[in-house]
PDB file of all heavy atoms in Angstrom:
ATOM      1  N   MET A   1     -47.505  87.493  79.829  1.00  0.00           N
ATOM      2  CA  MET A   1     -47.722  86.536  78.660  1.00  0.00           C
ATOM      3  C   MET A   1     -47.608  87.371  77.415  1.00  0.00           C
ATOM      4  O   MET A   1     -47.355  86.742  76.275  1.00  0.00           O
ATOM      5  CB  MET A   1     -49.039  85.905  78.789  1.00  0.00           C
ATOM      6  CG  MET A   1     -49.154  84.783  79.756  1.00  0.00           C
ATOM      7  SD  MET A   1     -50.769  83.974  79.762  1.00  0.00           S
ATOM      8  CE  MET A   1     -50.650  82.813  80.985  1.00  0.00           C
ATOM      9  N   PHE A   2     -47.958  88.616  77.430  1.00  0.00           N
ATOM     10  CA  PHE A   2     -48.014  89.498  76.177  1.00  0.00           C
ATOM     11  C   PHE A   2     -46.628  90.181  75.905  1.00  0.00           C
ATOM     12  O   PHE A   2     -46.564  90.817  74.899  1.00  0.00           O
ATOM     13  CB  PHE A   2     -49.064  90.547  76.272  1.00  0.00           C
ATOM     14  CG  PHE A   2     -50.561  89.907  76.188  1.00  0.00           C
ATOM     15  CD1 PHE A   2     -51.138  89.540  77.417  1.00  0.00           C
ATOM     16  CD2 PHE A   2     -51.091  89.803  75.076  1.00  0.00           C
ATOM     17  CE1 PHE A   2     -52.422  88.955  77.344  1.00  0.00           C
ATOM     18  CE2 PHE A   2     -52.416  89.176  75.017  1.00  0.00           C
ATOM     19  CZ  PHE A   2     -53.109  88.862  76.132  1.00  0.00           C
ATOM     20  N   VAL A   3     -45.605  89.913  76.781  1.00  0.00           N
ATOM     21  CA  VAL A   3     -44.366  90.584  76.528  1.00  0.00           C
ATOM     22  C   VAL A   3     -43.542  89.789  75.604  1.00  0.00           C
ATOM     23  O   VAL A   3     -43.175  90.219  74.465  1.00  0.00           O
ATOM     24  CB  VAL A   3     -43.612  90.732  77.869  1.00  0.00           C
ATOM     25  CG1 VAL A   3     -42.214  91.303  77.635  1.00  0.00           C
ATOM     26  CG2 VAL A   3     -44.358  91.594  78.836  1.00  0.00           C
ATOM     27  N   GLY A   4     -43.297  88.515  75.906  1.00  0.00           N
ATOM     28  CA  GLY A   4     -42.489  87.636  74.976  1.00  0.00           C
ATOM     29  C   GLY A   4     -41.009  87.926  75.125  1.00  0.00           C
ATOM     30  O   GLY A   4     -40.523  88.787  75.865  1.00  0.00           O
ATOM     31  N   GLY A   5     -40.158  87.115  74.450  1.00  0.00           N
ATOM     32  CA  GLY A   5     -38.784  87.243  74.428  1.00  0.00           C
ATOM     33  C   GLY A   5     -38.381  88.326  73.515  1.00  0.00           C
ATOM     34  O   GLY A   5     -39.144  89.108  72.943  1.00  0.00           O
ATOM     35  N   SER A   6     -37.028  88.328  73.166  1.00  0.00           N
ATOM     36  CA  SER A   6     -36.437  89.242  72.146  1.00  0.00           C
ATOM     37  C   SER A   6     -36.641  88.753  70.802  1.00  0.00           C
ATOM     38  O   SER A   6     -36.915  87.562  70.590  1.00  0.00           O
ATOM     39  CB  SER A   6     -35.008  89.421  72.476  1.00  0.00           C
ATOM     40  OG  SER A   6     -34.751  89.863  73.736  1.00  0.00           O
ATOM     41  N   ALA A   7     -36.657  89.604  69.865  1.00  0.00           N
ATOM     42  CA  ALA A   7     -36.680  89.223  68.453  1.00  0.00           C
ATOM     43  C   ALA A   7     -35.345  88.404  68.223  1.00  0.00           C
ATOM     44  O   ALA A   7     -34.307  88.712  68.733  1.00  0.00           O
ATOM     45  CB  ALA A   7     -36.659  90.497  67.516  1.00  0.00           C
ATOM     46  N   GLY A   8     -35.533  87.333  67.515  1.00  0.00           N
ATOM     47  CA  GLY A   8     -34.347  86.456  67.246  1.00  0.00           C
ATOM     48  C   GLY A   8     -34.200  85.502  68.394  1.00  0.00           C
ATOM     49  O   GLY A   8     -33.124  84.787  68.329  1.00  0.00           O
ATOM     50  N   SER A   9     -35.092  85.444  69.330  1.00  0.00           N
ATOM     51  CA  SER A   9     -35.038  84.397  70.365  1.00  0.00           C
ATOM     52  C   SER A   9     -35.961  83.310  69.992  1.00  0.00           C
ATOM     53  O   SER A   9     -36.672  83.343  68.930  1.00  0.00           O
ATOM     54  CB  SER A   9     -35.475  84.982  71.774  1.00  0.00           C
ATOM     55  OG  SER A   9     -36.868  85.187  71.765  1.00  0.00           O
ATOM     56  N   THR A  10     -36.061  82.248  70.800  1.00  0.00           N
ATOM     57  CA  THR A  10     -36.922  81.155  70.568  1.00  0.00           C
ATOM     58  C   THR A  10     -38.319  81.386  71.212  1.00  0.00           C
ATOM     59  O   THR A  10     -39.238  80.534  71.192  1.00  0.00           O
ATOM     60  CB  THR A  10     -36.397  79.779  70.984  1.00  0.00           C
ATOM     61  OG1 THR A  10     -36.088  79.903  72.481  1.00  0.00           O
ATOM     62  CG2 THR A  10     -35.107  79.423  70.244  1.00  0.00           C
ATOM     63  N   GLY A  11     -38.411  82.568  71.930  1.00  0.00           N
ATOM     64  CA  GLY A  11     -39.615  82.878  72.598  1.00  0.00           C
ATOM     65  C   GLY A  11     -40.798  83.309  71.674  1.00  0.00           C
ATOM     66  O   GLY A  11     -40.583  83.556  70.518  1.00  0.00           O
ATOM     67  N   GLY A  12     -42.005  83.244  72.212  1.00  0.00           N
ATOM     68  CA  GLY A  12     -43.105  83.593  71.380  1.00  0.00           C
ATOM     69  C   GLY A  12     -43.734  84.942  71.776  1.00  0.00           C
ATOM     70  O   GLY A  12     -42.993  85.826  72.195  1.00  0.00           O
ATOM     71  N   SER A  13     -45.012  85.112  71.667  1.00  0.00           N
ATOM     72  CA  SER A  13     -45.773  86.263  72.036  1.00  0.00           C
ATOM     73  C   SER A  13     -45.374  87.531  71.111  1.00  0.00           C
ATOM     74  O   SER A  13     -44.869  87.289  70.057  1.00  0.00           O
ATOM     75  CB  SER A  13     -45.644  86.562  73.501  1.00  0.00           C
ATOM     76  OG  SER A  13     -46.626  87.519  73.909  1.00  0.00           O
ATOM     77  N   ILE A  14     -45.569  88.705  71.642  1.00  0.00           N
ATOM     78  CA  ILE A  14     -45.463  89.895  70.824  1.00  0.00           C
ATOM     79  C   ILE A  14     -44.020  90.253  70.566  1.00  0.00           C
ATOM     80  O   ILE A  14     -43.666  90.704  69.531  1.00  0.00           O
ATOM     81  CB  ILE A  14     -46.139  91.071  71.403  1.00  0.00           C
ATOM     82  CG1 ILE A  14     -47.702  90.824  71.414  1.00  0.00           C
ATOM     83  CG2 ILE A  14     -45.899  92.444  70.820  1.00  0.00           C
ATOM     84  CD1 ILE A  14     -48.613  91.865  72.110  1.00  0.00           C
ATOM     85  N   LYS A  15     -43.063  90.060  71.463  1.00  0.00           N
ATOM     86  CA  LYS A  15     -41.663  90.342  71.431  1.00  0.00           C
ATOM     87  C   LYS A  15     -41.411  91.691  72.049  1.00  0.00           C
ATOM     88  O   LYS A  15     -42.150  92.655  71.774  1.00  0.00           O
ATOM     89  CB  LYS A  15     -41.098  90.255  70.036  1.00  0.00           C
ATOM     90  CG  LYS A  15     -41.232  88.864  69.438  1.00  0.00           C
ATOM     91  CD  LYS A  15     -40.256  87.858  70.056  1.00  0.00           C
ATOM     92  CE  LYS A  15     -40.017  86.650  69.282  1.00  0.00           C
ATOM     93  NZ  LYS A  15     -41.291  85.853  68.996  1.00  0.00           N
ATOM     94  N   VAL A  16     -40.305  91.822  72.786  1.00  0.00           N
ATOM     95  CA  VAL A  16     -39.948  93.006  73.449  1.00  0.00           C
ATOM     96  C   VAL A  16     -39.731  94.191  72.555  1.00  0.00           C
ATOM     97  O   VAL A  16     -40.158  95.347  72.784  1.00  0.00           O
ATOM     98  CB  VAL A  16     -38.744  92.771  74.332  1.00  0.00           C
ATOM     99  CG1 VAL A  16     -38.220  94.088  74.987  1.00  0.00           C
ATOM    100  CG2 VAL A  16     -39.002  91.716  75.395  1.00  0.00           C
ATOM    101  N   VAL A  17     -39.041  93.883  71.404  1.00  0.00           N
ATOM    102  CA  VAL A  17     -38.701  94.963  70.533  1.00  0.00           C
ATOM    103  C   VAL A  17     -39.965  95.713  69.955  1.00  0.00           C
ATOM    104  O   VAL A  17     -39.894  96.862  69.628  1.00  0.00           O
ATOM    105  CB  VAL A  17     -37.820  94.495  69.393  1.00  0.00           C
ATOM    106  CG1 VAL A  17     -38.513  93.616  68.312  1.00  0.00           C
ATOM    107  CG2 VAL A  17     -37.055  95.650  68.674  1.00  0.00           C
ATOM    108  N   ARG A  18     -41.031  94.923  69.781  1.00  0.00           N
ATOM    109  CA  ARG A  18     -42.206  95.558  69.260  1.00  0.00           C
ATOM    110  C   ARG A  18     -42.825  96.492  70.263  1.00  0.00           C
ATOM    111  O   ARG A  18     -43.317  97.568  69.951  1.00  0.00           O
ATOM    112  CB  ARG A  18     -43.187  94.467  68.840  1.00  0.00           C
ATOM    113  CG  ARG A  18     -42.866  93.722  67.581  1.00  0.00           C
ATOM    114  CD  ARG A  18     -44.024  92.951  66.983  1.00  0.00           C
ATOM    115  NE  ARG A  18     -43.685  92.244  65.690  1.00  0.00           N
ATOM    116  CZ  ARG A  18     -43.289  90.987  65.692  1.00  0.00           C
ATOM    117  NH1 ARG A  18     -43.248  90.301  66.783  1.00  0.00           N
ATOM    118  NH2 ARG A  18     -42.974  90.495  64.499  1.00  0.00           N
ATOM    119  N   HIS A  19     -42.819  96.072  71.610  1.00  0.00           N
ATOM    120  CA  HIS A  19     -43.315  96.889  72.625  1.00  0.00           C
ATOM    121  C   HIS A  19     -42.361  98.223  72.648  1.00  0.00           C
ATOM    122  O   HIS A  19     -42.892  99.325  72.854  1.00  0.00           O
ATOM    123  CB  HIS A  19     -43.201  96.252  73.916  1.00  0.00           C
ATOM    124  CG  HIS A  19     -44.177  95.172  74.131  1.00  0.00           C
ATOM    125  ND1 HIS A  19     -45.540  95.422  74.385  1.00  0.00           N
ATOM    126  CD2 HIS A  19     -44.072  93.804  74.180  1.00  0.00           C
ATOM    127  CE1 HIS A  19     -46.172  94.270  74.402  1.00  0.00           C
ATOM    128  NE2 HIS A  19     -45.264  93.236  74.306  1.00  0.00           N
ATOM    129  N   LEU A  20     -41.032  98.029  72.456  1.00  0.00           N
ATOM    130  CA  LEU A  20     -40.157  99.186  72.442  1.00  0.00           C
ATOM    131  C   LEU A  20     -40.438 100.119  71.362  1.00  0.00           C
ATOM    132  O   LEU A  20     -40.584 101.315  71.646  1.00  0.00           O
ATOM    133  CB  LEU A  20     -38.793  98.597  72.372  1.00  0.00           C
ATOM    134  CG  LEU A  20     -37.512  99.637  72.437  1.00  0.00           C
ATOM    135  CD1 LEU A  20     -37.548 100.270  73.782  1.00  0.00           C
ATOM    136  CD2 LEU A  20     -36.229  98.952  72.226  1.00  0.00           C
ATOM    137  N   LEU A  21     -40.529  99.670  70.142  1.00  0.00           N
ATOM    138  CA  LEU A  21     -40.871 100.518  69.044  1.00  0.00           C
ATOM    139  C   LEU A  21     -42.230 101.121  69.122  1.00  0.00           C
ATOM    140  O   LEU A  21     -42.392 102.328  68.710  1.00  0.00           O
ATOM    141  CB  LEU A  21     -40.638  99.776  67.708  1.00  0.00           C
ATOM    142  CG  LEU A  21     -39.294  99.267  67.399  1.00  0.00           C
ATOM    143  CD1 LEU A  21     -39.284  98.442  66.060  1.00  0.00           C
ATOM    144  CD2 LEU A  21     -38.263 100.489  67.285  1.00  0.00           C
ATOM    145  N   LEU A  22     -43.268 100.352  69.550  1.00  0.00           N
ATOM    146  CA  LEU A  22     -44.585 101.013  69.687  1.00  0.00           C
ATOM    147  C   LEU A  22     -44.593 102.032  70.772  1.00  0.00           C
ATOM    148  O   LEU A  22     -45.250 103.125  70.521  1.00  0.00           O
ATOM    149  CB  LEU A  22     -45.512  99.842  70.076  1.00  0.00           C
ATOM    150  CG  LEU A  22     -47.015 100.042  69.856  1.00  0.00           C
ATOM    151  CD1 LEU A  22     -47.377 100.458  68.444  1.00  0.00           C
ATOM    152  CD2 LEU A  22     -47.869  98.936  70.351  1.00  0.00           C
ATOM    153  N   GLY A  23     -43.854 101.852  71.856  1.00  0.00           N
ATOM    154  CA  GLY A  23     -43.757 102.848  72.857  1.00  0.00           C
ATOM    155  C   GLY A  23     -43.132 104.159  72.274  1.00  0.00           C
ATOM    156  O   GLY A  23     -43.522 105.293  72.612  1.00  0.00           O
ATOM    157  N   LYS A  24     -42.023 104.018  71.478  1.00  0.00           N
ATOM    158  CA  LYS A  24     -41.361 105.160  70.887  1.00  0.00           C
ATOM    159  C   LYS A  24     -42.296 105.830  69.919  1.00  0.00           C
ATOM    160  O   LYS A  24     -42.266 107.123  69.847  1.00  0.00           O
ATOM    161  CB  LYS A  24     -40.103 104.711  70.287  1.00  0.00           C
ATOM    162  CG  LYS A  24     -39.006 104.309  71.210  1.00  0.00           C
ATOM    163  CD  LYS A  24     -37.683 103.977  70.480  1.00  0.00           C
ATOM    164  CE  LYS A  24     -36.576 103.610  71.398  1.00  0.00           C
ATOM    165  NZ  LYS A  24     -35.239 103.348  70.722  1.00  0.00           N
ATOM    166  N   ALA A  25     -43.079 105.095  69.186  1.00  0.00           N
ATOM    167  CA  ALA A  25     -43.981 105.720  68.244  1.00  0.00           C
ATOM    168  C   ALA A  25     -45.133 106.495  68.984  1.00  0.00           C
ATOM    169  O   ALA A  25     -45.536 107.549  68.465  1.00  0.00           O
ATOM    170  CB  ALA A  25     -44.607 104.604  67.367  1.00  0.00           C
ATOM    171  N   ILE A  26     -45.599 105.922  70.027  1.00  0.00           N
ATOM    172  CA  ILE A  26     -46.562 106.680  70.783  1.00  0.00           C
ATOM    173  C   ILE A  26     -45.995 107.861  71.371  1.00  0.00           C
ATOM    174  O   ILE A  26     -46.679 109.077  71.363  1.00  0.00           O
ATOM    175  CB  ILE A  26     -47.154 105.793  71.978  1.00  0.00           C
ATOM    176  CG1 ILE A  26     -47.951 104.695  71.339  1.00  0.00           C
ATOM    177  CG2 ILE A  26     -47.987 106.590  72.897  1.00  0.00           C
ATOM    178  CD1 ILE A  26     -48.374 103.542  72.373  1.00  0.00           C
ATOM    179  N   ARG A  27     -44.838 107.860  71.873  1.00  0.00           N
ATOM    180  CA  ARG A  27     -44.171 109.059  72.423  1.00  0.00           C
ATOM    181  C   ARG A  27     -43.935 110.097  71.383  1.00  0.00           C
ATOM    182  O   ARG A  27     -44.177 111.319  71.601  1.00  0.00           O
ATOM    183  CB  ARG A  27     -42.820 108.709  73.030  1.00  0.00           C
ATOM    184  CG  ARG A  27     -42.060 109.812  73.756  1.00  0.00           C
ATOM    185  CD  ARG A  27     -40.775 109.431  74.388  1.00  0.00           C
ATOM    186  NE  ARG A  27     -39.832 108.851  73.411  1.00  0.00           N
ATOM    187  CZ  ARG A  27     -38.656 108.285  73.721  1.00  0.00           C
ATOM    188  NH1 ARG A  27     -38.322 108.246  74.945  1.00  0.00           N
ATOM    189  NH2 ARG A  27     -37.848 107.861  72.665  1.00  0.00           N
ATOM    190  N   ARG A  28     -43.618 109.661  70.199  1.00  0.00           N
ATOM    191  CA  ARG A  28     -43.396 110.645  69.017  1.00  0.00           C
ATOM    192  C   ARG A  28     -44.761 111.340  68.686  1.00  0.00           C
ATOM    193  O   ARG A  28     -44.811 112.527  68.559  1.00  0.00           O
ATOM    194  CB  ARG A  28     -42.860 109.956  67.838  1.00  0.00           C
ATOM    195  CG  ARG A  28     -42.623 110.881  66.601  1.00  0.00           C
ATOM    196  CD  ARG A  28     -42.088 110.172  65.449  1.00  0.00           C
ATOM    197  NE  ARG A  28     -42.994 109.233  64.870  1.00  0.00           N
ATOM    198  CZ  ARG A  28     -42.717 108.651  63.660  1.00  0.00           C
ATOM    199  NH1 ARG A  28     -41.612 108.735  63.096  1.00  0.00           N
ATOM    200  NH2 ARG A  28     -43.678 107.749  63.242  1.00  0.00           N
ATOM    201  N   GLU A  29     -45.852 110.520  68.656  1.00  0.00           N
ATOM    202  CA  GLU A  29     -47.099 111.142  68.339  1.00  0.00           C
ATOM    203  C   GLU A  29     -47.548 112.172  69.331  1.00  0.00           C
ATOM    204  O   GLU A  29     -48.239 113.205  69.024  1.00  0.00           O
ATOM    205  CB  GLU A  29     -48.155 110.039  68.167  1.00  0.00           C
ATOM    206  CG  GLU A  29     -47.989 109.101  67.054  1.00  0.00           C
ATOM    207  CD  GLU A  29     -47.945 109.910  65.676  1.00  0.00           C
ATOM    208  OE1 GLU A  29     -48.784 110.780  65.481  1.00  0.00           O
ATOM    209  OE2 GLU A  29     -46.984 109.634  64.887  1.00  0.00           O
ATOM    210  N   ILE A  30     -47.244 111.924  70.667  1.00  0.00           N
ATOM    211  CA  ILE A  30     -47.589 112.889  71.718  1.00  0.00           C
ATOM    212  C   ILE A  30     -46.805 114.120  71.493  1.00  0.00           C
ATOM    213  O   ILE A  30     -47.309 115.260  71.651  1.00  0.00           O
ATOM    214  CB  ILE A  30     -47.341 112.233  73.031  1.00  0.00           C
ATOM    215  CG1 ILE A  30     -48.357 111.043  73.312  1.00  0.00           C
ATOM    216  CG2 ILE A  30     -47.537 113.323  74.135  1.00  0.00           C
ATOM    217  CD1 ILE A  30     -48.035 110.421  74.634  1.00  0.00           C
ATOM    218  N   ARG A  31     -45.536 114.027  71.139  1.00  0.00           N
ATOM    219  CA  ARG A  31     -44.689 115.194  70.977  1.00  0.00           C
ATOM    220  C   ARG A  31     -45.135 115.984  69.757  1.00  0.00           C
ATOM    221  O   ARG A  31     -45.041 117.231  69.754  1.00  0.00           O
ATOM    222  CB  ARG A  31     -43.224 114.802  70.860  1.00  0.00           C
ATOM    223  CG  ARG A  31     -42.567 114.290  72.143  1.00  0.00           C
ATOM    224  CD  ARG A  31     -41.153 113.892  71.920  1.00  0.00           C
ATOM    225  NE  ARG A  31     -40.463 113.496  73.198  1.00  0.00           N
ATOM    226  CZ  ARG A  31     -39.263 113.053  73.344  1.00  0.00           C
ATOM    227  NH1 ARG A  31     -38.503 112.926  72.214  1.00  0.00           N
ATOM    228  NH2 ARG A  31     -38.711 112.683  74.465  1.00  0.00           N
ATOM    229  N   LEU A  32     -45.542 115.222  68.731  1.00  0.00           N
ATOM    230  CA  LEU A  32     -45.950 115.919  67.450  1.00  0.00           C
ATOM    231  C   LEU A  32     -47.246 116.765  67.677  1.00  0.00           C
ATOM    232  O   LEU A  32     -47.470 117.612  66.904  1.00  0.00           O
ATOM    233  CB  LEU A  32     -46.183 114.860  66.389  1.00  0.00           C
ATOM    234  CG  LEU A  32     -44.870 114.360  65.754  1.00  0.00           C
ATOM    235  CD1 LEU A  32     -45.130 113.252  64.756  1.00  0.00           C
ATOM    236  CD2 LEU A  32     -44.023 115.505  65.137  1.00  0.00           C
ATOM    237  N   THR A  33     -48.078 116.436  68.720  1.00  0.00           N
ATOM    238  CA  THR A  33     -49.270 117.238  68.965  1.00  0.00           C
ATOM    239  C   THR A  33     -48.930 118.629  69.415  1.00  0.00           C
ATOM    240  O   THR A  33     -49.617 119.579  69.287  1.00  0.00           O
ATOM    241  CB  THR A  33     -50.143 116.579  69.998  1.00  0.00           C
ATOM    242  OG1 THR A  33     -49.419 116.336  71.230  1.00  0.00           O
ATOM    243  CG2 THR A  33     -50.652 115.168  69.479  1.00  0.00           C
ATOM    244  N   VAL A  34     -47.623 118.687  70.093  1.00  0.00           N
ATOM    245  CA  VAL A  34     -47.220 120.041  70.571  1.00  0.00           C
ATOM    246  C   VAL A  34     -46.394 120.673  69.550  1.00  0.00           C
ATOM    247  O   VAL A  34     -46.355 121.915  69.356  1.00  0.00           O
ATOM    248  CB  VAL A  34     -46.391 119.785  71.879  1.00  0.00           C
ATOM    249  CG1 VAL A  34     -45.907 121.130  72.371  1.00  0.00           C
ATOM    250  CG2 VAL A  34     -47.190 119.051  72.842  1.00  0.00           C
ATOM    251  N   HIS A  35     -45.582 119.888  68.726  1.00  0.00           N
ATOM    252  CA  HIS A  35     -44.718 120.437  67.691  1.00  0.00           C
ATOM    253  C   HIS A  35     -45.010 119.815  66.347  1.00  0.00           C
ATOM    254  O   HIS A  35     -44.212 118.886  65.920  1.00  0.00           O
ATOM    255  CB  HIS A  35     -43.201 120.227  68.119  1.00  0.00           C
ATOM    256  CG  HIS A  35     -42.866 120.750  69.461  1.00  0.00           C
ATOM    257  ND1 HIS A  35     -42.695 122.096  69.736  1.00  0.00           N
ATOM    258  CD2 HIS A  35     -42.663 120.099  70.631  1.00  0.00           C
ATOM    259  CE1 HIS A  35     -42.385 122.266  70.988  1.00  0.00           C
ATOM    260  NE2 HIS A  35     -42.296 121.076  71.542  1.00  0.00           N
ATOM    261  N   PRO A  36     -46.121 120.169  65.762  1.00  0.00           N
ATOM    262  CA  PRO A  36     -46.538 119.398  64.567  1.00  0.00           C
ATOM    263  C   PRO A  36     -45.580 119.479  63.378  1.00  0.00           C
ATOM    264  O   PRO A  36     -45.629 118.652  62.424  1.00  0.00           O
ATOM    265  CB  PRO A  36     -47.888 120.083  64.206  1.00  0.00           C
ATOM    266  CG  PRO A  36     -47.801 121.354  64.964  1.00  0.00           C
ATOM    267  CD  PRO A  36     -47.051 121.201  66.142  1.00  0.00           C
ATOM    268  N   GLU A  37     -44.674 120.449  63.323  1.00  0.00           N
ATOM    269  CA  GLU A  37     -43.706 120.615  62.170  1.00  0.00           C
ATOM    270  C   GLU A  37     -42.448 119.977  62.411  1.00  0.00           C
ATOM    271  O   GLU A  37     -41.559 119.942  61.526  1.00  0.00           O
ATOM    272  CB  GLU A  37     -43.587 122.166  61.954  1.00  0.00           C
ATOM    273  CG  GLU A  37     -44.839 122.932  61.700  1.00  0.00           C
ATOM    274  CD  GLU A  37     -45.588 122.438  60.470  1.00  0.00           C
ATOM    275  OE1 GLU A  37     -44.978 122.077  59.471  1.00  0.00           O
ATOM    276  OE2 GLU A  37     -46.824 122.454  60.534  1.00  0.00           O
ATOM    277  N   ALA A  38     -42.317 119.446  63.549  1.00  0.00           N
ATOM    278  CA  ALA A  38     -40.899 118.803  63.866  1.00  0.00           C
ATOM    279  C   ALA A  38     -40.777 117.534  63.133  1.00  0.00           C
ATOM    280  O   ALA A  38     -41.736 116.807  62.760  1.00  0.00           O
ATOM    281  CB  ALA A  38     -40.872 118.507  65.408  1.00  0.00           C
ATOM    282  N   VAL A  39     -39.462 117.189  62.847  1.00  0.00           N
ATOM    283  CA  VAL A  39     -39.183 115.907  62.185  1.00  0.00           C
ATOM    284  C   VAL A  39     -38.490 115.067  63.300  1.00  0.00           C
ATOM    285  O   VAL A  39     -37.406 115.393  63.811  1.00  0.00           O
ATOM    286  CB  VAL A  39     -38.147 116.147  61.040  1.00  0.00           C
ATOM    287  CG1 VAL A  39     -37.742 114.773  60.440  1.00  0.00           C
ATOM    288  CG2 VAL A  39     -38.743 116.978  59.956  1.00  0.00           C
ATOM    289  N   MET A  40     -39.176 114.029  63.645  1.00  0.00           N
ATOM    290  CA  MET A  40     -38.624 113.119  64.708  1.00  0.00           C
ATOM    291  C   MET A  40     -38.562 111.693  64.303  1.00  0.00           C
ATOM    292  O   MET A  40     -39.565 110.943  64.519  1.00  0.00           O
ATOM    293  CB  MET A  40     -39.673 113.190  65.867  1.00  0.00           C
ATOM    294  CG  MET A  40     -39.847 114.612  66.478  1.00  0.00           C
ATOM    295  SD  MET A  40     -41.006 114.682  67.793  1.00  0.00           S
ATOM    296  CE  MET A  40     -41.099 116.495  68.201  1.00  0.00           C
ATOM    297  N   PRO A  41     -37.505 111.291  63.691  1.00  0.00           N
ATOM    298  CA  PRO A  41     -37.246 109.869  63.327  1.00  0.00           C
ATOM    299  C   PRO A  41     -37.183 109.016  64.578  1.00  0.00           C
ATOM    300  O   PRO A  41     -36.699 109.470  65.610  1.00  0.00           O
ATOM    301  CB  PRO A  41     -36.066 109.877  62.563  1.00  0.00           C
ATOM    302  CG  PRO A  41     -35.232 111.079  63.076  1.00  0.00           C
ATOM    303  CD  PRO A  41     -36.220 112.121  63.366  1.00  0.00           C
TER     304      PRO A  41
END
């Protein structure tokens, strides 16, 4: 129920792309703890 459809769909909830970006942001923060000077867009 908390997944939702894609952005630009008629679905509701959080939306898949937000989960995707949030997951990438969390992964970046974990990597930055090991390499704090790295630039990781």
